[in-house]
Amino acid sequence: MRFKYELSDDLSGDEGAGCIIMKSEILPAAYWKNCSMEFRTTNGQSFTVSLISKPTYLQLFPRYTIKARVYGSNLPRKDILLGFDILHSLKRISWHPKGLKHKNHLLP
């Protein structure tokens, strides 16, 4: 099944967020169900998420895929937001000044 977005150029990490939030339009409507979760941003603003996905596979690097439930939201200027807690829990990923690295692949 092909999704609307296959490569995201707009990726961001947020301190303390132990979850993954993505634009709800990236996955088909059949992947989402209703939920209610409130988040607070680092600048003190809050927003509510009303969708959660079925367990979904996300490819972060070539041949590196994680399975996770993601929250759906229309965050401005962001396609996907990976919490630092999630990023630190990933195995075989190293941190570099220019981004995350897996084998020879760099994610700025």
PDB file of N, CA and C in Angstrom:
ATOM      1  N   MET A   1       0.847  -1.177   0.000  1.00  0.00           N
ATOM      2  CA  MET A   1       0.000   0.000   0.000  1.00  0.00           C
ATOM      3  C   MET A   1       0.891   1.238   0.000  1.00  0.00           C
ATOM      4  N   ARG A   2       0.628   2.168  -0.890  1.00  0.00           N
ATOM      5  CA  ARG A   2       1.396   3.402  -0.961  1.00  0.00           C
ATOM      6  C   ARG A   2       0.696   4.480  -0.154  1.00  0.00           C
ATOM      7  N   PHE A   3       1.473   5.228   0.615  1.00  0.00           N
ATOM      8  CA  PHE A   3       0.930   6.307   1.419  1.00  0.00           C
ATOM      9  C   PHE A   3       1.222   7.647   0.765  1.00  0.00           C
ATOM     10  N   LYS A   4       0.559   8.669   1.238  1.00  0.00           N
ATOM     11  CA  LYS A   4       0.699   9.993   0.639  1.00  0.00           C
ATOM     12  C   LYS A   4       2.137  10.492   0.698  1.00  0.00           C
ATOM     13  N   TYR A   5       2.819  10.269   1.819  1.00  0.00           N
ATOM     14  CA  TYR A   5       4.203  10.701   1.972  1.00  0.00           C
ATOM     15  C   TYR A   5       5.077   9.478   2.127  1.00  0.00           C
ATOM     16  N   GLU A   6       6.154   9.425   1.382  1.00  0.00           N
ATOM     17  CA  GLU A   6       7.092   8.329   1.551  1.00  0.00           C
ATOM     18  C   GLU A   6       8.412   8.801   2.142  1.00  0.00           C
ATOM     19  N   LEU A   7       8.732  10.066   1.967  1.00  0.00           N
ATOM     20  CA  LEU A   7       9.966  10.613   2.503  1.00  0.00           C
ATOM     21  C   LEU A   7       9.652  11.953   3.131  1.00  0.00           C
ATOM     22  N   SER A   8      10.017  12.108   4.368  1.00  0.00           N
ATOM     23  CA  SER A   8       9.731  13.352   5.073  1.00  0.00           C
ATOM     24  C   SER A   8      11.005  14.169   5.211  1.00  0.00           C
ATOM     25  N   ASP A   9      10.986  15.391   4.689  1.00  0.00           N
ATOM     26  CA  ASP A   9      12.124  16.282   4.846  1.00  0.00           C
ATOM     27  C   ASP A   9      12.017  17.093   6.124  1.00  0.00           C
ATOM     28  N   ASP A  10      10.846  17.116   6.738  1.00  0.00           N
ATOM     29  CA  ASP A  10      10.610  17.962   7.901  1.00  0.00           C
ATOM     30  C   ASP A  10      10.438  17.080   9.133  1.00  0.00           C
ATOM     31  N   LEU A  11      11.542  16.731   9.778  1.00  0.00           N
ATOM     32  CA  LEU A  11      11.551  15.824  10.915  1.00  0.00           C
ATOM     33  C   LEU A  11      12.088  16.581  12.111  1.00  0.00           C
ATOM     34  N   SER A  12      11.475  16.366  13.267  1.00  0.00           N
ATOM     35  CA  SER A  12      11.895  17.112  14.450  1.00  0.00           C
ATOM     36  C   SER A  12      11.813  16.222  15.674  1.00  0.00           C
ATOM     37  N   GLY A  13      12.628  16.501  16.674  1.00  0.00           N
ATOM     38  CA  GLY A  13      12.559  15.809  17.949  1.00  0.00           C
ATOM     39  C   GLY A  13      12.182  16.796  19.033  1.00  0.00           C
ATOM     40  N   ASP A  14      11.457  16.342  20.047  1.00  0.00           N
ATOM     41  CA  ASP A  14      11.002  17.229  21.111  1.00  0.00           C
ATOM     42  C   ASP A  14      11.428  16.648  22.446  1.00  0.00           C
ATOM     43  N   GLU A  15      12.010  17.468  23.303  1.00  0.00           N
ATOM     44  CA  GLU A  15      12.492  16.999  24.597  1.00  0.00           C
ATOM     45  C   GLU A  15      11.353  16.460  25.458  1.00  0.00           C
ATOM     46  N   GLY A  16      11.562  15.288  26.039  1.00  0.00           N
ATOM     47  CA  GLY A  16      10.635  14.752  27.011  1.00  0.00           C
ATOM     48  C   GLY A  16       9.407  14.071  26.448  1.00  0.00           C
ATOM     49  N   ALA A  17       9.189  14.138  25.164  1.00  0.00           N
ATOM     50  CA  ALA A  17       8.004  13.490  24.597  1.00  0.00           C
ATOM     51  C   ALA A  17       8.307  12.015  24.400  1.00  0.00           C
ATOM     52  N   GLY A  18       7.561  11.163  25.054  1.00  0.00           N
ATOM     53  CA  GLY A  18       7.773   9.731  24.951  1.00  0.00           C
ATOM     54  C   GLY A  18       6.867   9.096  23.925  1.00  0.00           C
ATOM     55  N   CYS A  19       6.628   9.784  22.818  1.00  0.00           N
ATOM     56  CA  CYS A  19       5.717   9.267  21.803  1.00  0.00           C
ATOM     57  C   CYS A  19       6.110   9.807  20.435  1.00  0.00           C
ATOM     58  N   ILE A  20       5.372   9.371  19.435  1.00  0.00           N
ATOM     59  CA  ILE A  20       5.565   9.834  18.067  1.00  0.00           C
ATOM     60  C   ILE A  20       4.268  10.493  17.618  1.00  0.00           C
ATOM     61  N   ILE A  21       4.383  11.682  17.051  1.00  0.00           N
ATOM     62  CA  ILE A  21       3.221  12.408  16.539  1.00  0.00           C
ATOM     63  C   ILE A  21       3.472  12.681  15.065  1.00  0.00           C
ATOM     64  N   MET A  22       2.484  12.386  14.213  1.00  0.00           N
ATOM     65  CA  MET A  22       2.633  12.667  12.788  1.00  0.00           C
ATOM     66  C   MET A  22       1.367  13.305  12.238  1.00  0.00           C
ATOM     67  N   LYS A  23       1.504  13.924  11.073  1.00  0.00           N
ATOM     68  CA  LYS A  23       0.339  14.491  10.401  1.00  0.00           C
ATOM     69  C   LYS A  23      -0.635  13.363  10.105  1.00  0.00           C
ATOM     70  N   SER A  24      -1.887  13.581  10.415  1.00  0.00           N
ATOM     71  CA  SER A  24      -2.878  12.519  10.242  1.00  0.00           C
ATOM     72  C   SER A  24      -3.131  12.186   8.782  1.00  0.00           C
ATOM     73  N   GLU A  25      -2.808  13.080   7.871  1.00  0.00           N
ATOM     74  CA  GLU A  25      -3.045  12.815   6.454  1.00  0.00           C
ATOM     75  C   GLU A  25      -2.002  11.881   5.843  1.00  0.00           C
ATOM     76  N   ILE A  26      -0.936  11.573   6.567  1.00  0.00           N
ATOM     77  CA  ILE A  26       0.102  10.690   6.034  1.00  0.00           C
ATOM     78  C   ILE A  26      -0.410   9.259   5.921  1.00  0.00           C
ATOM     79  N   LEU A  27      -1.145   8.791   6.923  1.00  0.00           N
ATOM     80  CA  LEU A  27      -1.706   7.439   6.892  1.00  0.00           C
ATOM     81  C   LEU A  27      -3.154   7.493   6.419  1.00  0.00           C
ATOM     82  N   PRO A  28      -3.634   6.421   5.783  1.00  0.00           N
ATOM     83  CA  PRO A  28      -5.043   6.378   5.374  1.00  0.00           C
ATOM     84  C   PRO A  28      -5.972   6.424   6.590  1.00  0.00           C
ATOM     85  N   ALA A  29      -7.192   6.867   6.382  1.00  0.00           N
ATOM     86  CA  ALA A  29      -8.169   7.019   7.470  1.00  0.00           C
ATOM     87  C   ALA A  29      -8.423   5.705   8.209  1.00  0.00           C
ATOM     88  N   ALA A  30      -8.309   4.578   7.533  1.00  0.00           N
ATOM     89  CA  ALA A  30      -8.557   3.276   8.162  1.00  0.00           C
ATOM     90  C   ALA A  30      -7.534   2.946   9.251  1.00  0.00           C
ATOM     91  N   TYR A  31      -6.398   3.605   9.273  1.00  0.00           N
ATOM     92  CA  TYR A  31      -5.358   3.347  10.272  1.00  0.00           C
ATOM     93  C   TYR A  31      -5.602   4.067  11.588  1.00  0.00           C
ATOM     94  N   TRP A  32      -6.544   5.013  11.628  1.00  0.00           N
ATOM     95  CA  TRP A  32      -6.738   5.858  12.799  1.00  0.00           C
ATOM     96  C   TRP A  32      -7.976   5.487  13.592  1.00  0.00           C
ATOM     97  N   LYS A  33      -7.907   5.691  14.910  1.00  0.00           N
ATOM     98  CA  LYS A  33      -9.095   5.629  15.757  1.00  0.00           C
ATOM     99  C   LYS A  33      -9.042   6.822  16.711  1.00  0.00           C
ATOM    100  N   ASN A  34     -10.176   7.170  17.280  1.00  0.00           N
ATOM    101  CA  ASN A  34     -10.281   8.358  18.134  1.00  0.00           C
ATOM    102  C   ASN A  34      -9.624   8.131  19.494  1.00  0.00           C
ATOM    103  N   CYS A  35      -9.029   9.189  20.015  1.00  0.00           N
ATOM    104  CA  CYS A  35      -8.470   9.209  21.362  1.00  0.00           C
ATOM    105  C   CYS A  35      -8.404  10.669  21.788  1.00  0.00           C
ATOM    106  N   SER A  36      -8.009  10.924  23.005  1.00  0.00           N
ATOM    107  CA  SER A  36      -7.850  12.302  23.463  1.00  0.00           C
ATOM    108  C   SER A  36      -6.615  12.378  24.353  1.00  0.00           C
ATOM    109  N   MET A  37      -5.616  13.151  23.902  1.00  0.00           N
ATOM    110  CA  MET A  37      -4.367  13.291  24.637  1.00  0.00           C
ATOM    111  C   MET A  37      -3.917  14.741  24.521  1.00  0.00           C
ATOM    112  N   GLU A  38      -3.547  15.340  25.654  1.00  0.00           N
ATOM    113  CA  GLU A  38      -3.096  16.730  25.638  1.00  0.00           C
ATOM    114  C   GLU A  38      -1.584  16.782  25.823  1.00  0.00           C
ATOM    115  N   PHE A  39      -0.923  17.617  25.026  1.00  0.00           N
ATOM    116  CA  PHE A  39       0.524  17.790  25.078  1.00  0.00           C
ATOM    117  C   PHE A  39       0.856  19.251  25.333  1.00  0.00           C
ATOM    118  N   ARG A  40       2.008  19.476  25.949  1.00  0.00           N
ATOM    119  CA  ARG A  40       2.495  20.838  26.170  1.00  0.00           C
ATOM    120  C   ARG A  40       3.837  20.969  25.441  1.00  0.00           C
ATOM    121  N   THR A  41       3.977  22.040  24.682  1.00  0.00           N
ATOM    122  CA  THR A  41       5.200  22.265  23.924  1.00  0.00           C
ATOM    123  C   THR A  41       6.261  22.914  24.801  1.00  0.00           C
ATOM    124  N   THR A  42       7.490  22.977  24.292  1.00  0.00           N
ATOM    125  CA  THR A  42       8.582  23.557  25.067  1.00  0.00           C
ATOM    126  C   THR A  42       8.401  25.048  25.308  1.00  0.00           C
ATOM    127  N   ASN A  43       7.602  25.722  24.477  1.00  0.00           N
ATOM    128  CA  ASN A  43       7.357  27.151  24.705  1.00  0.00           C
ATOM    129  C   ASN A  43       6.117  27.395  25.566  1.00  0.00           C
ATOM    130  N   GLY A  44       5.553  26.327  26.150  1.00  0.00           N
ATOM    131  CA  GLY A  44       4.445  26.471  27.087  1.00  0.00           C
ATOM    132  C   GLY A  44       3.057  26.365  26.494  1.00  0.00           C
ATOM    133  N   GLN A  45       2.940  26.314  25.181  1.00  0.00           N
ATOM    134  CA  GLN A  45       1.623  26.166  24.571  1.00  0.00           C
ATOM    135  C   GLN A  45       1.172  24.717  24.683  1.00  0.00           C
ATOM    136  N   SER A  46      -0.137  24.505  24.660  1.00  0.00           N
ATOM    137  CA  SER A  46      -0.649  23.138  24.706  1.00  0.00           C
ATOM    138  C   SER A  46      -1.507  22.875  23.476  1.00  0.00           C
ATOM    139  N   PHE A  47      -1.597  21.608  23.127  1.00  0.00           N
ATOM    140  CA  PHE A  47      -2.459  21.197  22.026  1.00  0.00           C
ATOM    141  C   PHE A  47      -3.002  19.810  22.329  1.00  0.00           C
ATOM    142  N   THR A  48      -4.134  19.499  21.741  1.00  0.00           N
ATOM    143  CA  THR A  48      -4.794  18.217  21.969  1.00  0.00           C
ATOM    144  C   THR A  48      -4.734  17.378  20.706  1.00  0.00           C
ATOM    145  N   VAL A  49      -4.432  16.109  20.888  1.00  0.00           N
ATOM    146  CA  VAL A  49      -4.406  15.152  19.791  1.00  0.00           C
ATOM    147  C   VAL A  49      -5.657  14.299  19.914  1.00  0.00           C
ATOM    148  N   SER A  50      -6.323  14.068  18.802  1.00  0.00           N
ATOM    149  CA  SER A  50      -7.585  13.329  18.855  1.00  0.00           C
ATOM    150  C   SER A  50      -7.545  12.008  18.097  1.00  0.00           C
ATOM    151  N   LEU A  51      -6.380  11.607  17.586  1.00  0.00           N
ATOM    152  CA  LEU A  51      -6.267  10.358  16.836  1.00  0.00           C
ATOM    153  C   LEU A  51      -5.068   9.549  17.313  1.00  0.00           C
ATOM    154  N   ILE A  52      -5.209   8.223  17.276  1.00  0.00           N
ATOM    155  CA  ILE A  52      -4.084   7.317  17.512  1.00  0.00           C
ATOM    156  C   ILE A  52      -4.163   6.232  16.446  1.00  0.00           C
ATOM    157  N   SER A  53      -3.002   5.792  15.975  1.00  0.00           N
ATOM    158  CA  SER A  53      -2.978   4.816  14.887  1.00  0.00           C
ATOM    159  C   SER A  53      -2.997   3.391  15.423  1.00  0.00           C
ATOM    160  N   LYS A  54      -3.269   2.468  14.523  1.00  0.00           N
ATOM    161  CA  LYS A  54      -3.013   1.062  14.792  1.00  0.00           C
ATOM    162  C   LYS A  54      -1.492   0.919  14.833  1.00  0.00           C
ATOM    163  N   PRO A  55      -0.961  -0.182  15.374  1.00  0.00           N
ATOM    164  CA  PRO A  55       0.495  -0.362  15.318  1.00  0.00           C
ATOM    165  C   PRO A  55       0.973  -0.261  13.867  1.00  0.00           C
ATOM    166  N   THR A  56       1.955   0.596  13.648  1.00  0.00           N
ATOM    167  CA  THR A  56       2.405   0.944  12.309  1.00  0.00           C
ATOM    168  C   THR A  56       3.917   0.805  12.224  1.00  0.00           C
ATOM    169  N   TYR A  57       4.415   0.377  11.079  1.00  0.00           N
ATOM    170  CA  TYR A  57       5.856   0.287  10.857  1.00  0.00           C
ATOM    171  C   TYR A  57       6.351   1.591  10.241  1.00  0.00           C
ATOM    172  N   LEU A  58       7.398   2.160  10.839  1.00  0.00           N
ATOM    173  CA  LEU A  58       8.013   3.389  10.340  1.00  0.00           C
ATOM    174  C   LEU A  58       9.450   3.086   9.943  1.00  0.00           C
ATOM    175  N   GLN A  59       9.814   3.398   8.712  1.00  0.00           N
ATOM    176  CA  GLN A  59      11.184   3.195   8.256  1.00  0.00           C
ATOM    177  C   GLN A  59      11.965   4.477   8.491  1.00  0.00           C
ATOM    178  N   LEU A  60      12.917   4.427   9.420  1.00  0.00           N
ATOM    179  CA  LEU A  60      13.736   5.591   9.737  1.00  0.00           C
ATOM    180  C   LEU A  60      14.981   5.662   8.864  1.00  0.00           C
ATOM    181  N   PHE A  61      15.546   4.503   8.551  1.00  0.00           N
ATOM    182  CA  PHE A  61      16.716   4.381   7.692  1.00  0.00           C
ATOM    183  C   PHE A  61      16.475   3.193   6.765  1.00  0.00           C
ATOM    184  N   PRO A  62      17.251   3.070   5.676  1.00  0.00           N
ATOM    185  CA  PRO A  62      17.141   1.855   4.868  1.00  0.00           C
ATOM    186  C   PRO A  62      17.404   0.622   5.737  1.00  0.00           C
ATOM    187  N   ARG A  63      16.522  -0.328   5.687  1.00  0.00           N
ATOM    188  CA  ARG A  63      16.588  -1.573   6.466  1.00  0.00           C
ATOM    189  C   ARG A  63      16.571  -1.347   7.976  1.00  0.00           C
ATOM    190  N   TYR A  64      15.992  -0.236   8.425  1.00  0.00           N
ATOM    191  CA  TYR A  64      15.808   0.015   9.861  1.00  0.00           C
ATOM    192  C   TYR A  64      14.384   0.514  10.074  1.00  0.00           C
ATOM    193  N   THR A  65      13.553  -0.381  10.589  1.00  0.00           N
ATOM    194  CA  THR A  65      12.131  -0.102  10.758  1.00  0.00           C
ATOM    195  C   THR A  65      11.746  -0.313  12.211  1.00  0.00           C
ATOM    196  N   ILE A  66      10.870   0.551  12.719  1.00  0.00           N
ATOM    197  CA  ILE A  66      10.338   0.372  14.066  1.00  0.00           C
ATOM    198  C   ILE A  66       8.824   0.211  13.976  1.00  0.00           C
ATOM    199  N   LYS A  67       8.272  -0.496  14.941  1.00  0.00           N
ATOM    200  CA  LYS A  67       6.821  -0.670  15.018  1.00  0.00           C
ATOM    201  C   LYS A  67       6.328   0.163  16.194  1.00  0.00           C
ATOM    202  N   ALA A  68       5.353   1.027  15.935  1.00  0.00           N
ATOM    203  CA  ALA A  68       4.878   1.923  16.990  1.00  0.00           C
ATOM    204  C   ALA A  68       3.457   2.378  16.702  1.00  0.00           C
ATOM    205  N   ARG A  69       2.783   2.800  17.757  1.00  0.00           N
ATOM    206  CA  ARG A  69       1.515   3.516  17.611  1.00  0.00           C
ATOM    207  C   ARG A  69       1.866   4.989  17.591  1.00  0.00           C
ATOM    208  N   VAL A  70       1.265   5.726  16.694  1.00  0.00           N
ATOM    209  CA  VAL A  70       1.565   7.151  16.587  1.00  0.00           C
ATOM    210  C   VAL A  70       0.292   7.957  16.793  1.00  0.00           C
ATOM    211  N   TYR A  71       0.465   9.147  17.329  1.00  0.00           N
ATOM    212  CA  TYR A  71      -0.657  10.068  17.482  1.00  0.00           C
ATOM    213  C   TYR A  71      -0.772  10.909  16.224  1.00  0.00           C
ATOM    214  N   GLY A  72      -1.996  11.199  15.824  1.00  0.00           N
ATOM    215  CA  GLY A  72      -2.236  12.005  14.632  1.00  0.00           C
ATOM    216  C   GLY A  72      -2.609  13.426  14.989  1.00  0.00           C
ATOM    217  N   SER A  73      -1.926  14.378  14.371  1.00  0.00           N
ATOM    218  CA  SER A  73      -2.194  15.789  14.601  1.00  0.00           C
ATOM    219  C   SER A  73      -1.694  16.571  13.398  1.00  0.00           C
ATOM    220  N   ASN A  74      -2.220  17.747  13.190  1.00  0.00           N
ATOM    221  CA  ASN A  74      -1.744  18.613  12.113  1.00  0.00           C
ATOM    222  C   ASN A  74      -0.848  19.693  12.696  1.00  0.00           C
ATOM    223  N   LEU A  75       0.348  19.280  13.093  1.00  0.00           N
ATOM    224  CA  LEU A  75       1.320  20.216  13.645  1.00  0.00           C
ATOM    225  C   LEU A  75       1.828  21.126  12.535  1.00  0.00           C
ATOM    226  N   PRO A  76       1.937  22.410  12.800  1.00  0.00           N
ATOM    227  CA  PRO A  76       2.424  23.317  11.756  1.00  0.00           C
ATOM    228  C   PRO A  76       3.894  23.052  11.424  1.00  0.00           C
ATOM    229  N   ARG A  77       4.209  22.984  10.153  1.00  0.00           N
ATOM    230  CA  ARG A  77       5.569  22.837   9.623  1.00  0.00           C
ATOM    231  C   ARG A  77       6.257  21.535  10.031  1.00  0.00           C
ATOM    232  N   LYS A  78       5.525  20.539  10.498  1.00  0.00           N
ATOM    233  CA  LYS A  78       6.129  19.263  10.885  1.00  0.00           C
ATOM    234  C   LYS A  78       5.322  18.119  10.275  1.00  0.00           C
ATOM    235  N   ASP A  79       6.025  17.144   9.700  1.00  0.00           N
ATOM    236  CA  ASP A  79       5.366  15.941   9.215  1.00  0.00           C
ATOM    237  C   ASP A  79       5.339  14.873  10.296  1.00  0.00           C
ATOM    238  N   ILE A  80       6.448  14.762  11.027  1.00  0.00           N
ATOM    239  CA  ILE A  80       6.534  13.760  12.091  1.00  0.00           C
ATOM    240  C   ILE A  80       7.407  14.312  13.214  1.00  0.00           C
ATOM    241  N   LEU A  81       7.018  14.024  14.436  1.00  0.00           N
ATOM    242  CA  LEU A  81       7.744  14.470  15.619  1.00  0.00           C
ATOM    243  C   LEU A  81       8.094  13.231  16.429  1.00  0.00           C
ATOM    244  N   LEU A  82       9.389  12.965  16.580  1.00  0.00           N
ATOM    245  CA  LEU A  82       9.864  11.823  17.359  1.00  0.00           C
ATOM    246  C   LEU A  82      10.373  12.333  18.690  1.00  0.00           C
ATOM    247  N   GLY A  83       9.813  11.837  19.779  1.00  0.00           N
ATOM    248  CA  GLY A  83      10.265  12.245  21.101  1.00  0.00           C
ATOM    249  C   GLY A  83      11.659  11.721  21.397  1.00  0.00           C
ATOM    250  N   PHE A  84      12.433  12.477  22.175  1.00  0.00           N
ATOM    251  CA  PHE A  84      13.789  12.057  22.516  1.00  0.00           C
ATOM    252  C   PHE A  84      13.795  10.727  23.264  1.00  0.00           C
ATOM    253  N   ASP A  85      12.772  10.461  24.069  1.00  0.00           N
ATOM    254  CA  ASP A  85      12.701   9.171  24.760  1.00  0.00           C
ATOM    255  C   ASP A  85      12.649   8.027  23.745  1.00  0.00           C
ATOM    256  N   ILE A  86      11.913   8.232  22.670  1.00  0.00           N
ATOM    257  CA  ILE A  86      11.831   7.223  21.607  1.00  0.00           C
ATOM    258  C   ILE A  86      13.187   7.093  20.916  1.00  0.00           C
ATOM    259  N   LEU A  87      13.800   8.216  20.567  1.00  0.00           N
ATOM    260  CA  LEU A  87      15.088   8.187  19.864  1.00  0.00           C
ATOM    261  C   LEU A  87      16.173   7.510  20.698  1.00  0.00           C
ATOM    262  N   HIS A  88      16.196   7.763  22.016  1.00  0.00           N
ATOM    263  CA  HIS A  88      17.206   7.142  22.880  1.00  0.00           C
ATOM    264  C   HIS A  88      16.974   5.646  23.048  1.00  0.00           C
ATOM    265  N   SER A  89      15.762   5.178  22.866  1.00  0.00           N
ATOM    266  CA  SER A  89      15.480   3.754  23.036  1.00  0.00           C
ATOM    267  C   SER A  89      15.816   2.931  21.790  1.00  0.00           C
ATOM    268  N   LEU A  90      16.121   3.575  20.681  1.00  0.00           N
ATOM    269  CA  LEU A  90      16.421   2.856  19.442  1.00  0.00           C
ATOM    270  C   LEU A  90      17.787   2.194  19.531  1.00  0.00           C
ATOM    271  N   LYS A  91      17.844   0.939  19.129  1.00  0.00           N
ATOM    272  CA  LYS A  91      19.096   0.191  19.151  1.00  0.00           C
ATOM    273  C   LYS A  91      19.827   0.387  17.820  1.00  0.00           C
ATOM    274  N   ARG A  92      21.147   0.317  17.869  1.00  0.00           N
ATOM    275  CA  ARG A  92      22.022   0.448  16.696  1.00  0.00           C
ATOM    276  C   ARG A  92      21.947   1.828  16.046  1.00  0.00           C
ATOM    277  N   ILE A  93      21.536   2.837  16.800  1.00  0.00           N
ATOM    278  CA  ILE A  93      21.507   4.221  16.326  1.00  0.00           C
ATOM    279  C   ILE A  93      22.538   4.993  17.140  1.00  0.00           C
ATOM    280  N   SER A  94      23.360   5.782  16.473  1.00  0.00           N
ATOM    281  CA  SER A  94      24.324   6.609  17.201  1.00  0.00           C
ATOM    282  C   SER A  94      24.039   8.083  16.935  1.00  0.00           C
ATOM    283  N   TRP A  95      24.389   8.896  17.917  1.00  0.00           N
ATOM    284  CA  TRP A  95      24.171  10.339  17.844  1.00  0.00           C
ATOM    285  C   TRP A  95      25.452  11.003  17.360  1.00  0.00           C
ATOM    286  N   HIS A  96      25.317  11.902  16.394  1.00  0.00           N
ATOM    287  CA  HIS A  96      26.436  12.662  15.858  1.00  0.00           C
ATOM    288  C   HIS A  96      26.050  14.130  15.818  1.00  0.00           C
ATOM    289  N   PRO A  97      27.031  15.037  15.756  1.00  0.00           N
ATOM    290  CA  PRO A  97      26.694  16.469  15.715  1.00  0.00           C
ATOM    291  C   PRO A  97      25.771  16.853  14.560  1.00  0.00           C
ATOM    292  N   LYS A  98      25.814  16.094  13.471  1.00  0.00           N
ATOM    293  CA  LYS A  98      24.976  16.429  12.312  1.00  0.00           C
ATOM    294  C   LYS A  98      23.659  15.670  12.281  1.00  0.00           C
ATOM    295  N   GLY A  99      23.409  14.769  13.231  1.00  0.00           N
ATOM    296  CA  GLY A  99      22.146  14.035  13.262  1.00  0.00           C
ATOM    297  C   GLY A  99      22.304  12.618  13.774  1.00  0.00           C
ATOM    298  N   LEU A 100      21.315  11.791  13.501  1.00  0.00           N
ATOM    299  CA  LEU A 100      21.328  10.385  13.899  1.00  0.00           C
ATOM    300  C   LEU A 100      21.964   9.553  12.801  1.00  0.00           C
ATOM    301  N   LYS A 101      22.696   8.510  13.204  1.00  0.00           N
ATOM    302  CA  LYS A 101      23.381   7.685  12.223  1.00  0.00           C
ATOM    303  C   LYS A 101      23.069   6.221  12.467  1.00  0.00           C
ATOM    304  N   HIS A 102      22.820   5.507  11.376  1.00  0.00           N
ATOM    305  CA  HIS A 102      22.649   4.054  11.391  1.00  0.00           C
ATOM    306  C   HIS A 102      23.489   3.512  10.243  1.00  0.00           C
ATOM    307  N   LYS A 103      24.504   2.740  10.572  1.00  0.00           N
ATOM    308  CA  LYS A 103      25.472   2.247   9.589  1.00  0.00           C
ATOM    309  C   LYS A 103      26.034   3.434   8.811  1.00  0.00           C
ATOM    310  N   ASN A 104      25.859   3.485   7.496  1.00  0.00           N
ATOM    311  CA  ASN A 104      26.408   4.592   6.700  1.00  0.00           C
ATOM    312  C   ASN A 104      25.378   5.669   6.399  1.00  0.00           C
ATOM    313  N   HIS A 105      24.220   5.620   7.020  1.00  0.00           N
ATOM    314  CA  HIS A 105      23.134   6.549   6.714  1.00  0.00           C
ATOM    315  C   HIS A 105      23.001   7.584   7.827  1.00  0.00           C
ATOM    316  N   LEU A 106      22.863   8.843   7.429  1.00  0.00           N
ATOM    317  CA  LEU A 106      22.734   9.947   8.372  1.00  0.00           C
ATOM    318  C   LEU A 106      21.367  10.590   8.213  1.00  0.00           C
ATOM    319  N   LEU A 107      20.682  10.812   9.332  1.00  0.00           N
ATOM    320  CA  LEU A 107      19.394  11.500   9.352  1.00  0.00           C
ATOM    321  C   LEU A 107      19.611  12.837  10.049  1.00  0.00           C
ATOM    322  N   PRO A 108      19.706  13.935   9.267  1.00  0.00           N
ATOM    323  CA  PRO A 108      19.997  15.240   9.881  1.00  0.00           C
ATOM    324  C   PRO A 108      18.895  15.711  10.803  1.00  0.00           C
TER     325      PRO A 108
END
